[in-house]
N, C-alpha and C. Protein backbone atom coordinates (compact mmCIF):
# COMPACT_ATOMS: atom_id res chain seq x y z
N MET A 1 19.16 3.74 23.15
CA MET A 1 19.03 2.81 22.46
C MET A 1 18.69 3.51 21.41
N ALA A 2 19.48 3.54 20.03
CA ALA A 2 18.74 3.95 18.42
C ALA A 2 17.73 2.65 18.85
N ASP A 3 16.89 3.87 17.80
CA ASP A 3 16.07 2.84 17.43
C ASP A 3 15.89 2.84 15.48
N ASN A 4 16.20 1.83 14.84
CA ASN A 4 16.15 1.99 13.63
C ASN A 4 15.43 1.53 13.07
N GLY A 5 13.98 1.52 13.44
CA GLY A 5 12.31 0.84 12.67
C GLY A 5 12.95 -0.20 12.28
N PRO A 6 11.57 -0.99 12.16
CA PRO A 6 11.23 -2.59 12.15
C PRO A 6 11.78 -2.63 10.19
N VAL A 7 12.16 -3.95 10.10
CA VAL A 7 12.73 -4.24 9.00
C VAL A 7 11.75 -5.32 8.39
N SER A 8 12.00 -4.77 7.00
CA SER A 8 9.84 -5.59 6.21
C SER A 8 10.94 -6.68 5.45
N ASP A 9 10.29 -8.04 5.92
CA ASP A 9 10.79 -9.10 4.96
C ASP A 9 9.76 -10.11 4.53
N VAL A 10 9.05 -8.78 3.98
CA VAL A 10 7.51 -9.64 3.41
C VAL A 10 8.28 -10.47 2.05
N ARG A 11 7.03 -11.71 2.63
CA ARG A 11 7.49 -12.44 0.61
C ARG A 11 5.91 -13.25 0.64
N HIS A 12 6.15 -13.62 -0.05
CA HIS A 12 4.65 -14.19 -0.98
C HIS A 12 5.30 -15.54 -1.82
N VAL A 13 4.31 -16.41 -1.16
CA VAL A 13 4.55 -17.65 -2.11
C VAL A 13 3.25 -18.05 -2.39
N LEU A 14 3.31 -18.49 -4.00
CA LEU A 14 2.47 -18.99 -4.94
C LEU A 14 2.48 -20.48 -5.28
N VAL A 15 1.67 -21.43 -4.96
CA VAL A 15 1.81 -23.07 -4.80
C VAL A 15 1.05 -22.65 -5.98
N LEU A 16 2.53 -23.88 -7.17
CA LEU A 16 1.78 -24.13 -8.09
C LEU A 16 1.57 -25.67 -8.30
N PRO A 17 0.57 -26.45 -9.31
CA PRO A 17 0.86 -27.75 -9.22
C PRO A 17 2.22 -28.61 -10.39
N ASP A 18 2.73 -27.69 -11.19
CA ASP A 18 3.55 -28.48 -11.57
C ASP A 18 4.83 -27.16 -11.92
N ARG A 19 5.85 -27.81 -12.55
CA ARG A 19 7.75 -26.93 -12.71
C ARG A 19 6.36 -25.88 -13.77
N ASP A 20 6.10 -26.61 -14.77
CA ASP A 20 5.87 -25.57 -15.81
C ASP A 20 5.09 -24.65 -15.85
N ALA A 21 3.95 -24.63 -15.14
CA ALA A 21 3.03 -23.68 -14.32
C ALA A 21 3.90 -22.80 -13.16
N ALA A 22 4.83 -23.49 -13.01
CA ALA A 22 5.60 -22.30 -11.77
C ALA A 22 6.40 -21.17 -12.75
N GLN A 23 6.91 -21.90 -13.57
CA GLN A 23 7.97 -21.26 -14.51
C GLN A 23 7.21 -19.90 -15.45
N GLU A 24 5.98 -20.81 -15.61
CA GLU A 24 4.74 -19.75 -16.51
C GLU A 24 4.44 -18.21 -16.06
N ALA A 25 4.49 -18.81 -14.11
CA ALA A 25 3.70 -18.23 -13.51
C ALA A 25 4.72 -17.11 -13.45
N ALA A 26 6.38 -17.35 -13.15
CA ALA A 26 7.05 -16.50 -12.41
C ALA A 26 7.64 -15.85 -13.52
N GLU A 27 7.76 -16.09 -15.30
CA GLU A 27 7.63 -14.84 -15.95
C GLU A 27 6.94 -13.99 -16.41
N ALA A 28 5.22 -14.70 -16.05
CA ALA A 28 4.65 -12.98 -16.16
C ALA A 28 4.36 -12.57 -14.83
N LEU A 29 4.81 -12.68 -13.58
CA LEU A 29 4.81 -11.79 -12.46
C LEU A 29 5.46 -10.54 -13.02
N GLY A 30 6.32 -10.38 -13.65
CA GLY A 30 6.68 -9.02 -14.38
C GLY A 30 6.10 -8.09 -15.14
N GLU A 31 5.48 -9.43 -16.16
CA GLU A 31 4.48 -8.64 -17.27
C GLU A 31 3.41 -8.14 -16.26
N ARG A 32 3.14 -8.89 -15.43
CA ARG A 32 1.28 -8.39 -14.48
C ARG A 32 1.70 -7.32 -13.39
N PHE A 33 2.39 -6.97 -12.62
CA PHE A 33 3.03 -6.82 -11.34
C PHE A 33 3.85 -5.68 -11.83
N GLY A 34 4.95 -5.72 -12.61
CA GLY A 34 6.06 -5.23 -13.00
C GLY A 34 7.38 -5.61 -11.74
N ILE A 35 7.56 -6.79 -11.69
CA ILE A 35 8.56 -7.06 -10.83
C ILE A 35 9.33 -7.43 -11.54
N THR A 36 10.43 -6.80 -10.84
CA THR A 36 12.10 -6.76 -11.54
C THR A 36 12.94 -8.05 -10.80
N GLU A 37 12.91 -7.97 -9.71
CA GLU A 37 13.44 -9.10 -9.18
C GLU A 37 13.26 -10.35 -9.95
N GLU A 38 13.84 -11.89 -9.74
CA GLU A 38 13.45 -12.85 -10.52
C GLU A 38 13.01 -13.12 -8.89
N ALA A 39 11.94 -14.42 -9.55
CA ALA A 39 10.78 -15.18 -8.46
C ALA A 39 11.74 -16.28 -7.98
N ARG A 40 12.09 -17.25 -7.03
CA ARG A 40 13.04 -17.59 -6.80
C ARG A 40 11.75 -19.12 -6.95
N LEU A 41 12.20 -20.14 -7.95
CA LEU A 41 11.29 -21.62 -7.78
C LEU A 41 11.62 -22.50 -6.85
N VAL A 42 10.80 -23.49 -6.22
CA VAL A 42 11.03 -24.33 -5.22
C VAL A 42 10.23 -25.55 -5.36
N ARG A 43 10.55 -26.41 -5.61
CA ARG A 43 10.41 -27.70 -5.96
C ARG A 43 9.60 -27.88 -4.05
N ASP A 44 8.75 -28.77 -3.78
CA ASP A 44 7.98 -28.69 -2.29
C ASP A 44 7.14 -30.10 -2.61
N ALA A 45 7.69 -30.94 -2.18
CA ALA A 45 7.41 -32.66 -2.38
C ALA A 45 6.44 -33.13 -1.24
N LEU A 46 5.64 -33.01 -1.77
CA LEU A 46 4.81 -33.78 -0.59
C LEU A 46 4.79 -34.96 0.21
N ALA A 47 4.61 -34.81 1.61
CA ALA A 47 5.05 -35.77 2.41
C ALA A 47 4.94 -37.06 1.81
N GLY A 48 5.55 -37.98 1.97
CA GLY A 48 6.11 -39.73 1.09
C GLY A 48 5.90 -39.55 0.47
N GLU A 49 6.16 -38.94 -0.35
CA GLU A 49 5.78 -38.95 -2.20
C GLU A 49 7.47 -38.75 -2.47
N ASP A 50 7.76 -39.52 -3.42
CA ASP A 50 9.31 -39.72 -4.04
C ASP A 50 8.96 -39.10 -5.08
N ASP A 51 7.81 -39.57 -5.78
CA ASP A 51 7.49 -38.97 -7.68
C ASP A 51 7.65 -37.94 -7.60
N ALA A 52 8.59 -36.60 -8.98
CA ALA A 52 8.22 -35.71 -8.94
C ALA A 52 7.24 -35.27 -9.41
N GLU A 53 6.38 -36.38 -10.18
CA GLU A 53 4.81 -35.85 -10.45
C GLU A 53 3.93 -35.41 -9.92
N ASP A 54 4.49 -35.63 -8.37
CA ASP A 54 3.09 -35.72 -7.13
C ASP A 54 4.16 -34.50 -5.74
N ALA A 55 5.22 -33.97 -6.84
CA ALA A 55 5.47 -32.66 -6.35
C ALA A 55 4.91 -31.52 -6.96
N GLN A 56 4.58 -30.42 -5.65
CA GLN A 56 3.76 -28.91 -5.72
C GLN A 56 5.15 -27.97 -5.93
N TRP A 57 4.99 -26.79 -6.83
CA TRP A 57 6.14 -25.79 -7.10
C TRP A 57 5.97 -24.13 -6.49
N LEU A 58 6.67 -23.56 -5.79
CA LEU A 58 6.07 -22.55 -4.73
C LEU A 58 7.33 -21.88 -5.43
N VAL A 59 7.03 -20.65 -6.04
CA VAL A 59 7.39 -19.58 -6.06
C VAL A 59 7.06 -18.70 -5.34
N VAL A 60 8.38 -17.96 -4.62
CA VAL A 60 8.58 -16.92 -3.54
C VAL A 60 9.16 -15.99 -3.84
N LEU A 61 8.63 -14.82 -3.49
CA LEU A 61 8.93 -13.94 -4.22
C LEU A 61 8.92 -12.41 -2.94
N ARG A 62 9.72 -12.20 -3.09
CA ARG A 62 10.33 -11.00 -2.05
C ARG A 62 9.37 -9.50 -2.20
N ASP A 63 8.67 -9.20 -1.30
CA ASP A 63 8.05 -7.65 -1.34
C ASP A 63 8.09 -7.33 -0.11
N GLU A 64 9.56 -6.18 -0.10
CA GLU A 64 9.67 -5.67 0.89
C GLU A 64 9.22 -4.15 0.49
N ASP A 65 8.71 -3.43 -0.34
CA ASP A 65 7.95 -2.45 0.08
C ASP A 65 6.64 -2.32 0.20
N GLU A 66 5.82 -3.91 0.30
CA GLU A 66 4.54 -3.94 0.81
C GLU A 66 3.95 -3.41 -0.30
N ARG A 67 4.12 -3.83 -1.62
CA ARG A 67 3.19 -2.96 -2.99
C ARG A 67 2.30 -3.98 -3.33
N LEU A 68 2.49 -5.47 -3.19
CA LEU A 68 1.28 -6.30 -4.13
C LEU A 68 0.12 -6.57 -3.43
N ASP A 69 -1.10 -6.90 -3.70
CA ASP A 69 -2.00 -7.25 -2.97
C ASP A 69 -1.82 -8.51 -2.92
N PRO A 70 -2.24 -9.32 -1.77
CA PRO A 70 -2.26 -10.88 -1.64
C PRO A 70 -3.02 -11.16 -2.47
N GLY A 71 -4.83 -10.45 -2.74
CA GLY A 71 -5.76 -11.06 -3.26
C GLY A 71 -5.50 -10.60 -4.76
N GLU A 72 -5.00 -10.45 -5.47
CA GLU A 72 -4.19 -10.09 -6.75
C GLU A 72 -3.86 -11.08 -7.01
N LEU A 73 -2.68 -11.33 -6.15
CA LEU A 73 -1.49 -12.50 -5.87
C LEU A 73 -2.13 -14.36 -6.22
N ASP A 74 -3.34 -13.99 -5.54
CA ASP A 74 -3.68 -15.14 -5.46
C ASP A 74 -5.04 -15.33 -6.50
N ALA A 75 -5.71 -14.53 -7.08
CA ALA A 75 -6.35 -14.90 -8.10
C ALA A 75 -5.16 -15.06 -9.27
N PHE A 76 -4.28 -14.58 -9.20
CA PHE A 76 -3.07 -14.67 -10.22
C PHE A 76 -2.55 -16.20 -10.26
N ALA A 77 -2.38 -16.75 -9.52
CA ALA A 77 -2.00 -18.09 -9.17
C ALA A 77 -2.95 -18.85 -9.71
N GLY A 78 -4.07 -18.53 -8.97
CA GLY A 78 -5.65 -19.34 -9.69
C GLY A 78 -5.36 -19.74 -11.09
N GLU A 79 -4.85 -18.78 -12.30
CA GLU A 79 -4.64 -18.80 -13.02
C GLU A 79 -4.16 -20.39 -13.85
N TRP A 80 -3.69 -20.58 -12.82
CA TRP A 80 -2.39 -22.14 -13.07
C TRP A 80 -2.99 -23.01 -12.57
N ASP A 81 -4.23 -23.25 -11.50
CA ASP A 81 -4.88 -23.97 -10.82
C ASP A 81 -4.41 -23.94 -9.65
N GLY A 82 -3.67 -22.78 -9.16
CA GLY A 82 -2.95 -22.49 -7.73
C GLY A 82 -2.71 -21.81 -6.92
N TRP A 83 -2.67 -21.17 -5.64
CA TRP A 83 -2.85 -20.35 -4.77
C TRP A 83 -1.82 -19.55 -3.98
N ARG A 84 -2.20 -18.39 -3.31
CA ARG A 84 -1.10 -17.51 -2.82
C ARG A 84 -1.22 -18.14 -0.98
N GLU A 85 0.16 -18.55 -0.91
CA GLU A 85 0.03 -19.22 0.84
C GLU A 85 0.65 -18.22 1.74
N GLU A 86 0.15 -18.15 3.22
CA GLU A 86 0.98 -17.49 3.80
C GLU A 86 2.49 -18.23 4.38
N PRO A 87 3.44 -17.47 4.26
CA PRO A 87 4.71 -18.16 4.60
C PRO A 87 4.54 -18.11 6.18
């Protein structure tokens, strides 16, 4: 059986407090880290909360080449009172 090698599907998830922060961070990713692929924004409602004001926003980005440093991404998210979370 031929071995094609492992397939990398590395993703980083930045958790941010609101939509504005998520949009700003997603735009700044390209400038700061040279990311060309657009990050995906996802609304993450807190358990039991229906109000959009109580939602966190996730910025999901693929890093198949594993060139992004997790610590730098965590510090970057911290600029918007967020953090990096393991997917």
